[in-house]
C-alpha cells in the first residue's frame, strides 16, 4: 500500500505529464493554424499579382477617361468580394483553431480531473479516523473547481458563438455596402 506522500508524488508527476501533453497538443494545433494562414496568404498574394497584371493591362488599354473609370468601377466589386472571401477564410481558420484548442484542452482537463478525483478517493480511503471533515472539504473544493471550470467553458463557448455571429453579420453588411457602392458607381 502506498503512503499519502507517495500518492501525492505520483499524482504530481501525472499532473505534470498531463500539462506537458496539453501544451504539446495546443502547440501542434497553433502551428497547424499558422501553417493554414501562411498558405492562405501565399495563395492570396499569387492570385493578387496575377489579377493585378490583368487589371493594369486593361486599364492601360483604355481609350478615353470614361472607359478607364468604367473599368475601374468594374474591378471594384470583384476586388471587394475577394477581400471579403479572404476575411471569411481567415475567420474560418481562427474559428477552427479555437475549436481544436477547446477540444484538446477539454480532453486534457477531463483526464486531469479524473486523476485528481481518483487521488482524493484514494487519500480518503487511507485517511486516519477523524479526518472525514477535511476529506469532505477537499471533495467540496474539487467540486467547486469543476463547477467553475464548467461555467467558464460555457461562457467561452457563448462568447465565441457571439463573435462568429457578429463576424457573419459584419461580412454581410460590408458585402451589401460594396454591392450598393459598385452599382452606384457603375450608373455614373
N, C-alpha and C. Protein backbone atom coordinates (compact mmCIF):
# COMPACT_ATOMS: atom_id res chain seq x y z
N UNK A 1 0.84 -1.18 0.00
CA UNK A 1 0.00 0.00 0.00
C UNK A 1 0.89 1.25 0.00
N UNK A 2 0.51 2.22 -0.79
CA UNK A 2 1.28 3.45 -0.90
C UNK A 2 0.95 4.39 0.25
N UNK A 3 1.94 5.16 0.66
CA UNK A 3 1.68 6.18 1.67
C UNK A 3 1.12 7.42 0.98
N UNK A 4 0.56 8.31 1.76
CA UNK A 4 -0.03 9.52 1.19
C UNK A 4 1.01 10.36 0.46
N UNK A 5 2.24 10.55 0.99
CA UNK A 5 3.24 11.31 0.22
C UNK A 5 3.57 10.65 -1.13
N UNK A 6 3.61 9.32 -1.15
CA UNK A 6 3.87 8.63 -2.41
C UNK A 6 2.73 8.86 -3.40
N UNK A 7 1.51 8.85 -2.90
CA UNK A 7 0.36 9.10 -3.76
C UNK A 7 0.41 10.51 -4.33
N UNK A 8 0.76 11.49 -3.49
CA UNK A 8 0.85 12.87 -3.98
C UNK A 8 2.00 13.02 -4.97
N UNK A 9 3.09 12.34 -4.73
CA UNK A 9 4.23 12.38 -5.66
C UNK A 9 3.83 11.80 -7.01
N UNK A 10 3.14 10.68 -6.99
CA UNK A 10 2.67 10.06 -8.23
C UNK A 10 1.66 10.97 -8.93
N UNK A 11 0.77 11.57 -8.15
CA UNK A 11 -0.23 12.47 -8.72
C UNK A 11 0.42 13.71 -9.32
N UNK A 12 1.42 14.24 -8.64
CA UNK A 12 2.13 15.42 -9.15
C UNK A 12 2.82 15.10 -10.47
N UNK A 13 3.44 13.93 -10.53
CA UNK A 13 4.10 13.51 -11.77
C UNK A 13 3.07 13.35 -12.88
N UNK A 14 1.95 12.73 -12.58
CA UNK A 14 0.89 12.55 -13.58
C UNK A 14 0.33 13.89 -14.04
N UNK A 15 0.16 14.81 -13.08
CA UNK A 15 -0.34 16.15 -13.42
C UNK A 15 0.65 16.88 -14.34
N UNK A 16 1.92 16.79 -14.04
CA UNK A 16 2.94 17.41 -14.89
C UNK A 16 2.91 16.82 -16.29
N UNK A 17 2.79 15.50 -16.37
CA UNK A 17 2.73 14.84 -17.68
C UNK A 17 1.48 15.26 -18.46
N UNK A 18 0.37 15.42 -17.75
CA UNK A 18 -0.87 15.88 -18.39
C UNK A 18 -0.70 17.30 -18.93
N UNK A 19 -0.09 18.16 -18.12
CA UNK A 19 0.14 19.54 -18.57
C UNK A 19 1.06 19.57 -19.78
N UNK A 20 2.09 18.76 -19.77
CA UNK A 20 3.01 18.68 -20.90
C UNK A 20 2.30 18.18 -22.15
N UNK A 21 1.44 17.19 -21.99
CA UNK A 21 0.67 16.68 -23.13
C UNK A 21 -0.26 17.75 -23.67
N UNK A 22 -0.90 18.52 -22.79
CA UNK A 22 -1.79 19.59 -23.23
C UNK A 22 -0.99 20.68 -23.94
N UNK A 23 0.15 21.04 -23.41
CA UNK A 23 1.00 22.04 -24.05
C UNK A 23 1.41 21.58 -25.45
N UNK A 24 1.81 20.32 -25.57
CA UNK A 24 2.20 19.77 -26.88
C UNK A 24 1.02 19.77 -27.85
N UNK A 25 -0.16 19.39 -27.37
CA UNK A 25 -1.34 19.36 -28.23
C UNK A 25 -1.70 20.77 -28.70
N UNK A 26 -1.68 21.73 -27.78
CA UNK A 26 -2.03 23.11 -28.14
C UNK A 26 -0.98 23.72 -29.07
N UNK A 27 0.28 23.42 -28.83
CA UNK A 27 1.34 23.93 -29.71
C UNK A 27 1.17 23.37 -31.12
N UNK A 28 0.87 22.10 -31.21
CA UNK A 28 0.65 21.46 -32.50
C UNK A 28 -0.51 22.11 -33.24
N UNK A 29 -1.61 22.35 -32.53
CA UNK A 29 -2.79 22.99 -33.15
C UNK A 29 -2.46 24.42 -33.57
N UNK A 30 -1.69 25.13 -32.77
CA UNK A 30 -1.32 26.50 -33.12
C UNK A 30 -0.46 26.53 -34.39
N UNK A 31 0.49 25.60 -34.47
CA UNK A 31 1.34 25.55 -35.66
C UNK A 31 0.54 25.18 -36.91
N UNK A 32 -0.43 24.30 -36.76
CA UNK A 32 -1.30 23.95 -37.89
C UNK A 32 -2.07 25.19 -38.36
N UNK A 33 -2.59 25.97 -37.42
CA UNK A 33 -3.33 27.18 -37.79
C UNK A 33 -2.42 28.20 -38.47
N UNK A 34 -1.22 28.36 -37.95
CA UNK A 34 -0.26 29.29 -38.57
C UNK A 34 0.07 28.83 -39.98
N UNK A 35 0.25 27.54 -40.16
CA UNK A 35 0.54 26.99 -41.49
C UNK A 35 -0.60 27.29 -42.45
N UNK A 36 -1.84 27.15 -41.99
CA UNK A 36 -3.00 27.44 -42.84
C UNK A 36 -3.05 28.92 -43.21
N UNK A 37 -2.75 29.78 -42.26
CA UNK A 37 -2.75 31.23 -42.53
C UNK A 37 -1.66 31.57 -43.55
N UNK A 38 -0.50 30.97 -43.40
CA UNK A 38 0.59 31.22 -44.35
C UNK A 38 0.19 30.75 -45.74
N UNK A 39 -0.40 29.57 -45.83
CA UNK A 39 -0.85 29.06 -47.13
C UNK A 39 -1.90 29.98 -47.74
N UNK A 40 -2.83 30.46 -46.92
CA UNK A 40 -3.86 31.39 -47.41
C UNK A 40 -3.21 32.67 -47.93
N UNK A 41 -2.24 33.20 -47.18
CA UNK A 41 -1.58 34.44 -47.60
C UNK A 41 -0.77 34.26 -48.88
N UNK A 42 -0.08 33.14 -49.01
CA UNK A 42 0.69 32.89 -50.23
C UNK A 42 -0.25 32.76 -51.43
N UNK A 43 -1.33 32.03 -51.25
CA UNK A 43 -2.30 31.88 -52.35
C UNK A 43 -2.91 33.23 -52.72
N UNK A 44 -3.26 34.01 -51.71
CA UNK A 44 -3.84 35.33 -51.97
C UNK A 44 -2.84 36.24 -52.67
N UNK A 45 -1.58 36.19 -52.26
CA UNK A 45 -0.56 37.04 -52.90
C UNK A 45 -0.35 36.64 -54.35
N UNK A 46 -0.27 35.33 -54.62
CA UNK A 46 -0.10 34.87 -56.01
C UNK A 46 -1.28 35.31 -56.87
N UNK A 47 -2.49 35.11 -56.36
CA UNK A 47 -3.68 35.50 -57.12
C UNK A 47 -3.72 37.00 -57.33
N UNK A 48 -3.32 37.75 -56.32
CA UNK A 48 -3.33 39.21 -56.42
C UNK A 48 -2.36 39.71 -57.49
N UNK A 49 -1.18 39.11 -57.54
CA UNK A 49 -0.19 39.51 -58.55
C UNK A 49 -0.73 39.25 -59.95
N UNK A 50 -1.29 38.07 -60.16
CA UNK A 50 -1.83 37.73 -61.48
C UNK A 50 -2.99 38.64 -61.86
N UNK A 51 -3.89 38.88 -60.92
CA UNK A 51 -5.04 39.73 -61.19
C UNK A 51 -4.62 41.18 -61.42
N UNK A 52 -3.59 41.61 -60.73
CA UNK A 52 -3.10 42.98 -60.91
C UNK A 52 -2.52 43.16 -62.31
N UNK A 53 -1.82 42.16 -62.81
CA UNK A 53 -1.28 42.23 -64.17
C UNK A 53 -2.41 42.42 -65.18
N UNK A 54 -3.44 41.61 -65.04
CA UNK A 54 -4.57 41.69 -65.97
C UNK A 54 -5.26 43.05 -65.85
N UNK A 55 -5.46 43.50 -64.63
CA UNK A 55 -6.14 44.78 -64.41
C UNK A 55 -5.34 45.95 -65.00
N UNK A 56 -4.05 45.93 -64.79
CA UNK A 56 -3.21 47.01 -65.33
C UNK A 56 -3.26 47.02 -66.85
N UNK A 57 -3.19 45.84 -67.45
CA UNK A 57 -3.29 45.76 -68.91
C UNK A 57 -4.61 46.33 -69.40
N UNK A 58 -5.69 45.99 -68.71
CA UNK A 58 -7.00 46.51 -69.11
C UNK A 58 -7.04 48.03 -68.97
N UNK A 59 -6.54 48.52 -67.86
CA UNK A 59 -6.58 49.97 -67.64
C UNK A 59 -5.70 50.72 -68.63
N UNK A 60 -4.56 50.14 -68.98
CA UNK A 60 -3.67 50.79 -69.95
C UNK A 60 -4.25 50.76 -71.36
N UNK A 61 -5.15 49.84 -71.62
CA UNK A 61 -5.75 49.76 -72.95
C UNK A 61 -6.95 50.67 -73.10
N UNK A 62 -7.34 51.35 -72.04
CA UNK A 62 -8.49 52.26 -72.11
C UNK A 62 -8.20 53.37 -73.10
N UNK A 63 -9.19 53.66 -73.91
CA UNK A 63 -9.02 54.65 -74.99
C UNK A 63 -9.36 56.07 -74.55
N UNK A 64 -10.17 56.17 -73.50
CA UNK A 64 -10.54 57.50 -73.00
C UNK A 64 -10.80 57.43 -71.50
N UNK A 65 -10.90 58.57 -70.83
CA UNK A 65 -11.11 58.57 -69.38
C UNK A 65 -12.40 57.85 -68.95
N UNK A 66 -13.44 57.97 -69.76
CA UNK A 66 -14.71 57.31 -69.42
C UNK A 66 -14.52 55.79 -69.35
N UNK A 67 -13.83 55.22 -70.33
CA UNK A 67 -13.59 53.78 -70.35
C UNK A 67 -12.69 53.39 -69.17
N UNK A 68 -11.72 54.25 -68.87
CA UNK A 68 -10.82 53.99 -67.74
C UNK A 68 -11.63 53.89 -66.43
N UNK A 69 -12.53 54.86 -66.21
CA UNK A 69 -13.33 54.85 -64.98
C UNK A 69 -14.34 53.71 -64.96
N UNK A 70 -14.86 53.33 -66.11
CA UNK A 70 -15.77 52.19 -66.19
C UNK A 70 -15.03 50.91 -65.82
N UNK A 71 -13.82 50.74 -66.34
CA UNK A 71 -13.02 49.57 -66.00
C UNK A 71 -12.66 49.55 -64.50
N UNK A 72 -12.33 50.71 -63.97
CA UNK A 72 -12.01 50.80 -62.55
C UNK A 72 -13.21 50.41 -61.69
N UNK A 73 -14.37 50.92 -62.05
CA UNK A 73 -15.59 50.59 -61.30
C UNK A 73 -15.92 49.10 -61.42
N UNK A 74 -15.70 48.54 -62.59
CA UNK A 74 -15.99 47.11 -62.79
C UNK A 74 -15.07 46.23 -61.94
N UNK A 75 -13.87 46.69 -61.65
CA UNK A 75 -12.93 45.91 -60.85
C UNK A 75 -13.18 46.05 -59.35
N UNK A 76 -13.92 47.06 -58.94
CA UNK A 76 -14.13 47.30 -57.52
C UNK A 76 -14.89 46.16 -56.84
N UNK A 77 -15.98 45.71 -57.45
CA UNK A 77 -16.79 44.67 -56.82
C UNK A 77 -16.03 43.35 -56.68
N UNK A 78 -15.39 42.85 -57.75
CA UNK A 78 -14.64 41.59 -57.56
C UNK A 78 -13.52 41.71 -56.53
N UNK A 79 -12.87 42.86 -56.49
CA UNK A 79 -11.80 43.05 -55.50
C UNK A 79 -12.36 43.06 -54.08
N UNK A 80 -13.49 43.70 -53.89
CA UNK A 80 -14.12 43.72 -52.57
C UNK A 80 -14.58 42.32 -52.18
N UNK A 81 -15.14 41.59 -53.13
CA UNK A 81 -15.58 40.22 -52.85
C UNK A 81 -14.39 39.32 -52.49
N UNK A 82 -13.27 39.53 -53.15
CA UNK A 82 -12.07 38.75 -52.83
C UNK A 82 -11.57 39.08 -51.42
N UNK A 83 -11.63 40.35 -51.07
CA UNK A 83 -11.21 40.75 -49.72
C UNK A 83 -12.14 40.14 -48.67
N UNK A 84 -13.44 40.13 -48.96
CA UNK A 84 -14.38 39.52 -48.03
C UNK A 84 -14.15 38.01 -47.94
N UNK A 85 -13.89 37.39 -49.06
CA UNK A 85 -13.61 35.96 -49.08
C UNK A 85 -12.36 35.64 -48.25
N UNK A 86 -11.34 36.45 -48.42
CA UNK A 86 -10.11 36.27 -47.63
C UNK A 86 -10.42 36.38 -46.14
N UNK A 87 -11.21 37.39 -45.79
CA UNK A 87 -11.59 37.57 -44.38
C UNK A 87 -12.37 36.38 -43.86
N UNK A 88 -13.27 35.83 -44.67
CA UNK A 88 -14.03 34.65 -44.25
C UNK A 88 -13.11 33.46 -44.05
N UNK A 89 -12.17 33.26 -44.97
CA UNK A 89 -11.22 32.14 -44.83
C UNK A 89 -10.38 32.31 -43.56
N UNK A 90 -9.93 33.51 -43.33
CA UNK A 90 -9.12 33.79 -42.14
C UNK A 90 -9.94 33.54 -40.87
N UNK A 91 -11.20 33.99 -40.87
CA UNK A 91 -12.07 33.76 -39.72
C UNK A 91 -12.34 32.27 -39.52
N UNK A 92 -12.49 31.54 -40.62
CA UNK A 92 -12.72 30.09 -40.52
C UNK A 92 -11.51 29.39 -39.93
N UNK A 93 -10.32 29.81 -40.32
CA UNK A 93 -9.10 29.23 -39.75
C UNK A 93 -9.04 29.51 -38.25
N UNK A 94 -9.32 30.75 -37.88
CA UNK A 94 -9.31 31.11 -36.46
C UNK A 94 -10.36 30.35 -35.66
N UNK A 95 -11.55 30.24 -36.21
CA UNK A 95 -12.62 29.52 -35.54
C UNK A 95 -12.29 28.04 -35.39
N UNK A 96 -11.73 27.47 -36.44
CA UNK A 96 -11.34 26.06 -36.40
C UNK A 96 -10.24 25.83 -35.37
N UNK A 97 -9.27 26.73 -35.35
CA UNK A 97 -8.18 26.61 -34.37
C UNK A 97 -8.72 26.73 -32.95
N UNK A 98 -9.63 27.67 -32.74
CA UNK A 98 -10.21 27.84 -31.42
C UNK A 98 -10.96 26.58 -31.00
N UNK A 99 -11.72 25.99 -31.92
CA UNK A 99 -12.47 24.77 -31.61
C UNK A 99 -11.51 23.62 -31.28
N UNK A 100 -10.42 23.53 -32.03
CA UNK A 100 -9.44 22.47 -31.78
C UNK A 100 -8.73 22.70 -30.43
N UNK A 101 -8.43 23.96 -30.12
CA UNK A 101 -7.82 24.27 -28.82
C UNK A 101 -8.76 23.84 -27.70
N UNK A 102 -10.02 24.22 -27.83
CA UNK A 102 -11.01 23.90 -26.81
C UNK A 102 -11.13 22.39 -26.64
N UNK A 103 -11.20 21.68 -27.75
CA UNK A 103 -11.34 20.23 -27.70
C UNK A 103 -10.12 19.59 -27.02
N UNK A 104 -8.93 20.01 -27.42
CA UNK A 104 -7.71 19.45 -26.83
C UNK A 104 -7.63 19.77 -25.34
N UNK A 105 -7.97 21.00 -24.98
CA UNK A 105 -7.92 21.39 -23.56
C UNK A 105 -8.96 20.62 -22.75
N UNK A 106 -10.16 20.45 -23.30
CA UNK A 106 -11.19 19.73 -22.58
C UNK A 106 -10.79 18.28 -22.32
N UNK A 107 -10.17 17.64 -23.32
CA UNK A 107 -9.73 16.26 -23.15
C UNK A 107 -8.68 16.17 -22.03
N UNK A 108 -7.71 17.07 -22.08
CA UNK A 108 -6.65 17.05 -21.07
C UNK A 108 -7.18 17.39 -19.68
N UNK A 109 -8.10 18.35 -19.62
CA UNK A 109 -8.65 18.75 -18.33
C UNK A 109 -9.51 17.63 -17.75
N UNK A 110 -10.27 16.95 -18.59
CA UNK A 110 -11.08 15.82 -18.11
C UNK A 110 -10.17 14.73 -17.57
N UNK A 111 -9.06 14.48 -18.25
CA UNK A 111 -8.10 13.47 -17.79
C UNK A 111 -7.52 13.88 -16.43
N UNK A 112 -7.12 15.14 -16.32
CA UNK A 112 -6.56 15.62 -15.06
C UNK A 112 -7.60 15.57 -13.94
N UNK A 113 -8.83 15.93 -14.27
CA UNK A 113 -9.91 15.90 -13.28
C UNK A 113 -10.13 14.48 -12.76
N UNK A 114 -10.14 13.51 -13.66
CA UNK A 114 -10.37 12.12 -13.22
C UNK A 114 -9.20 11.63 -12.36
N UNK A 115 -7.97 12.04 -12.69
CA UNK A 115 -6.82 11.63 -11.88
C UNK A 115 -6.86 12.25 -10.49
N UNK A 116 -7.25 13.53 -10.42
CA UNK A 116 -7.34 14.19 -9.12
C UNK A 116 -8.46 13.57 -8.29
N UNK A 117 -9.58 13.29 -8.93
CA UNK A 117 -10.69 12.65 -8.21
C UNK A 117 -10.26 11.29 -7.67
N UNK A 118 -9.55 10.51 -8.48
CA UNK A 118 -9.06 9.20 -8.04
C UNK A 118 -8.09 9.36 -6.87
N UNK A 119 -7.23 10.36 -6.94
CA UNK A 119 -6.28 10.61 -5.84
C UNK A 119 -7.03 10.96 -4.56
N UNK A 120 -8.00 11.85 -4.65
CA UNK A 120 -8.77 12.24 -3.47
C UNK A 120 -9.49 11.03 -2.88
N UNK A 121 -10.05 10.20 -3.76
CA UNK A 121 -10.74 8.99 -3.28
C UNK A 121 -9.76 8.05 -2.58
N UNK A 122 -8.56 7.88 -3.15
CA UNK A 122 -7.55 7.02 -2.52
C UNK A 122 -7.09 7.57 -1.18
N UNK A 123 -6.89 8.89 -1.13
CA UNK A 123 -6.48 9.53 0.12
C UNK A 123 -7.59 9.37 1.16
N UNK A 124 -8.83 9.53 0.71
CA UNK A 124 -9.96 9.40 1.64
C UNK A 124 -10.03 7.99 2.24
N UNK A 125 -9.73 6.99 1.42
CA UNK A 125 -9.78 5.61 1.90
C UNK A 125 -8.71 5.33 2.96
N UNK A 126 -7.56 5.95 2.78
CA UNK A 126 -6.46 5.68 3.71
C UNK A 126 -6.27 6.78 4.75
N UNK A 127 -7.23 7.71 4.81
CA UNK A 127 -7.12 8.81 5.78
C UNK A 127 -7.39 8.28 7.18
N UNK A 128 -6.70 8.85 8.16
CA UNK A 128 -6.91 8.40 9.55
C UNK A 128 -8.31 8.78 10.04
N UNK A 129 -8.75 8.08 11.03
CA UNK A 129 -10.06 8.36 11.63
C UNK A 129 -10.09 9.80 12.14
N UNK A 130 -11.24 10.44 11.97
CA UNK A 130 -11.39 11.82 12.43
C UNK A 130 -11.09 12.86 11.36
N UNK A 131 -10.62 12.42 10.22
CA UNK A 131 -10.29 13.39 9.16
C UNK A 131 -11.39 13.48 8.11
N UNK A 132 -12.57 12.98 8.43
CA UNK A 132 -13.68 12.98 7.47
C UNK A 132 -14.06 14.39 7.03
N UNK A 133 -14.02 15.34 7.96
CA UNK A 133 -14.40 16.72 7.60
C UNK A 133 -13.38 17.34 6.65
N UNK A 134 -12.11 17.04 6.83
CA UNK A 134 -11.08 17.57 5.93
C UNK A 134 -11.23 16.96 4.54
N UNK A 135 -11.52 15.66 4.48
CA UNK A 135 -11.73 15.00 3.19
C UNK A 135 -12.98 15.56 2.51
N UNK A 136 -14.04 15.76 3.30
CA UNK A 136 -15.27 16.34 2.73
C UNK A 136 -15.02 17.74 2.19
N UNK A 137 -14.21 18.52 2.92
CA UNK A 137 -13.88 19.87 2.47
C UNK A 137 -13.05 19.82 1.19
N UNK A 138 -12.12 18.88 1.10
CA UNK A 138 -11.31 18.72 -0.11
C UNK A 138 -12.19 18.33 -1.29
N UNK A 139 -13.12 17.40 -1.08
CA UNK A 139 -14.03 16.99 -2.15
C UNK A 139 -14.94 18.15 -2.56
N UNK A 140 -15.37 18.94 -1.60
CA UNK A 140 -16.21 20.11 -1.90
C UNK A 140 -15.44 21.14 -2.73
N UNK A 141 -14.19 21.37 -2.35
CA UNK A 141 -13.36 22.31 -3.12
C UNK A 141 -13.16 21.81 -4.54
N UNK A 142 -12.94 20.51 -4.69
CA UNK A 142 -12.77 19.91 -6.01
C UNK A 142 -14.05 20.07 -6.83
N UNK A 143 -15.19 19.84 -6.19
CA UNK A 143 -16.48 20.01 -6.87
C UNK A 143 -16.70 21.45 -7.30
N UNK A 144 -16.36 22.39 -6.43
CA UNK A 144 -16.49 23.81 -6.77
C UNK A 144 -15.58 24.21 -7.92
N UNK A 145 -14.36 23.69 -7.91
CA UNK A 145 -13.43 23.99 -9.01
C UNK A 145 -13.96 23.44 -10.32
N UNK A 146 -14.51 22.23 -10.28
CA UNK A 146 -15.09 21.64 -11.51
C UNK A 146 -16.28 22.45 -12.00
N UNK A 147 -17.13 22.90 -11.08
CA UNK A 147 -18.29 23.72 -11.46
C UNK A 147 -17.83 25.05 -12.06
N UNK A 148 -16.79 25.64 -11.48
CA UNK A 148 -16.25 26.88 -12.03
C UNK A 148 -15.70 26.69 -13.43
N UNK A 149 -15.00 25.58 -13.64
CA UNK A 149 -14.47 25.29 -14.97
C UNK A 149 -15.61 25.13 -15.97
N UNK A 150 -16.66 24.39 -15.58
CA UNK A 150 -17.80 24.18 -16.48
C UNK A 150 -18.44 25.51 -16.86
N UNK A 151 -18.60 26.41 -15.89
CA UNK A 151 -19.19 27.72 -16.17
C UNK A 151 -18.29 28.54 -17.09
N UNK A 152 -16.99 28.50 -16.84
CA UNK A 152 -16.05 29.21 -17.70
C UNK A 152 -16.10 28.65 -19.13
N UNK A 153 -16.18 27.35 -19.25
CA UNK A 153 -16.25 26.71 -20.56
C UNK A 153 -17.51 27.14 -21.31
N UNK A 154 -18.65 27.14 -20.61
CA UNK A 154 -19.91 27.57 -21.24
C UNK A 154 -19.85 29.03 -21.68
N UNK A 155 -19.30 29.88 -20.81
CA UNK A 155 -19.20 31.30 -21.12
C UNK A 155 -18.29 31.54 -22.32
N UNK A 156 -17.18 30.81 -22.38
CA UNK A 156 -16.26 30.94 -23.50
C UNK A 156 -16.92 30.51 -24.81
N UNK A 157 -17.65 29.41 -24.77
CA UNK A 157 -18.34 28.94 -25.97
C UNK A 157 -19.37 29.96 -26.44
N UNK A 158 -20.11 30.55 -25.50
CA UNK A 158 -21.09 31.57 -25.86
C UNK A 158 -20.41 32.79 -26.47
N UNK A 159 -19.28 33.19 -25.93
CA UNK A 159 -18.56 34.35 -26.46
C UNK A 159 -18.07 34.07 -27.88
N UNK A 160 -17.57 32.87 -28.11
CA UNK A 160 -17.10 32.51 -29.46
C UNK A 160 -18.26 32.49 -30.44
N UNK A 161 -19.39 31.92 -30.03
CA UNK A 161 -20.57 31.89 -30.91
C UNK A 161 -21.04 33.30 -31.23
N UNK A 162 -21.02 34.18 -30.25
CA UNK A 162 -21.42 35.57 -30.47
C UNK A 162 -20.45 36.26 -31.41
N UNK A 163 -19.16 36.03 -31.24
CA UNK A 163 -18.16 36.61 -32.12
C UNK A 163 -18.36 36.13 -33.56
N UNK A 164 -18.59 34.84 -33.74
CA UNK A 164 -18.81 34.30 -35.08
C UNK A 164 -20.07 34.89 -35.71
N UNK A 165 -21.14 35.02 -34.93
CA UNK A 165 -22.38 35.61 -35.45
C UNK A 165 -22.15 37.07 -35.85
N UNK A 166 -21.43 37.82 -35.02
CA UNK A 166 -21.13 39.22 -35.34
C UNK A 166 -20.27 39.33 -36.59
N UNK A 167 -19.31 38.44 -36.74
CA UNK A 167 -18.46 38.45 -37.92
C UNK A 167 -19.27 38.17 -39.18
N UNK A 168 -20.18 37.22 -39.09
CA UNK A 168 -21.05 36.92 -40.23
C UNK A 168 -21.93 38.12 -40.56
N UNK A 169 -22.46 38.78 -39.54
CA UNK A 169 -23.30 39.95 -39.74
C UNK A 169 -22.52 41.09 -40.38
N UNK A 170 -21.32 41.36 -39.89
CA UNK A 170 -20.48 42.42 -40.45
C UNK A 170 -20.12 42.11 -41.90
N UNK A 171 -19.77 40.86 -42.17
CA UNK A 171 -19.43 40.46 -43.54
C UNK A 171 -20.60 40.70 -44.47
N UNK A 172 -21.79 40.35 -44.03
CA UNK A 172 -22.99 40.56 -44.84
C UNK A 172 -23.23 42.05 -45.09
N UNK A 173 -23.08 42.86 -44.04
CA UNK A 173 -23.30 44.30 -44.20
C UNK A 173 -22.27 44.93 -45.12
N UNK A 174 -21.02 44.53 -44.99
CA UNK A 174 -19.96 45.07 -45.85
C UNK A 174 -20.22 44.66 -47.30
N UNK A 175 -20.61 43.41 -47.49
CA UNK A 175 -20.90 42.92 -48.83
C UNK A 175 -22.03 43.72 -49.47
N UNK A 176 -23.08 43.98 -48.70
CA UNK A 176 -24.20 44.78 -49.22
C UNK A 176 -23.75 46.20 -49.54
N UNK A 177 -22.93 46.79 -48.68
CA UNK A 177 -22.45 48.15 -48.92
C UNK A 177 -21.58 48.21 -50.17
N UNK A 178 -20.74 47.19 -50.37
CA UNK A 178 -19.89 47.14 -51.56
C UNK A 178 -20.75 47.03 -52.81
N UNK A 179 -21.73 46.15 -52.78
CA UNK A 179 -22.61 45.99 -53.94
C UNK A 179 -23.33 47.29 -54.26
N UNK A 180 -23.82 47.97 -53.23
CA UNK A 180 -24.52 49.24 -53.43
C UNK A 180 -23.58 50.30 -54.02
N UNK A 181 -22.37 50.39 -53.49
CA UNK A 181 -21.40 51.35 -53.98
C UNK A 181 -21.01 51.06 -55.42
N UNK A 182 -20.77 49.80 -55.72
CA UNK A 182 -20.38 49.42 -57.08
C UNK A 182 -21.52 49.70 -58.06
N UNK A 183 -22.75 49.40 -57.68
CA UNK A 183 -23.86 49.65 -58.59
C UNK A 183 -24.08 51.13 -58.80
N UNK A 184 -23.85 51.95 -57.76
CA UNK A 184 -23.98 53.40 -57.92
C UNK A 184 -22.85 53.94 -58.79
N UNK A 185 -21.65 53.40 -58.63
CA UNK A 185 -20.52 53.85 -59.43
C UNK A 185 -20.72 53.46 -60.89
N UNK A 186 -21.26 52.30 -61.13
CA UNK A 186 -21.48 51.83 -62.50
C UNK A 186 -22.53 52.67 -63.21
N UNK A 187 -23.50 53.20 -62.47
CA UNK A 187 -24.55 54.03 -63.07
C UNK A 187 -24.03 55.38 -63.53
N UNK A 188 -22.97 55.86 -62.88
CA UNK A 188 -22.41 57.18 -63.20
C UNK A 188 -21.65 57.05 -64.44
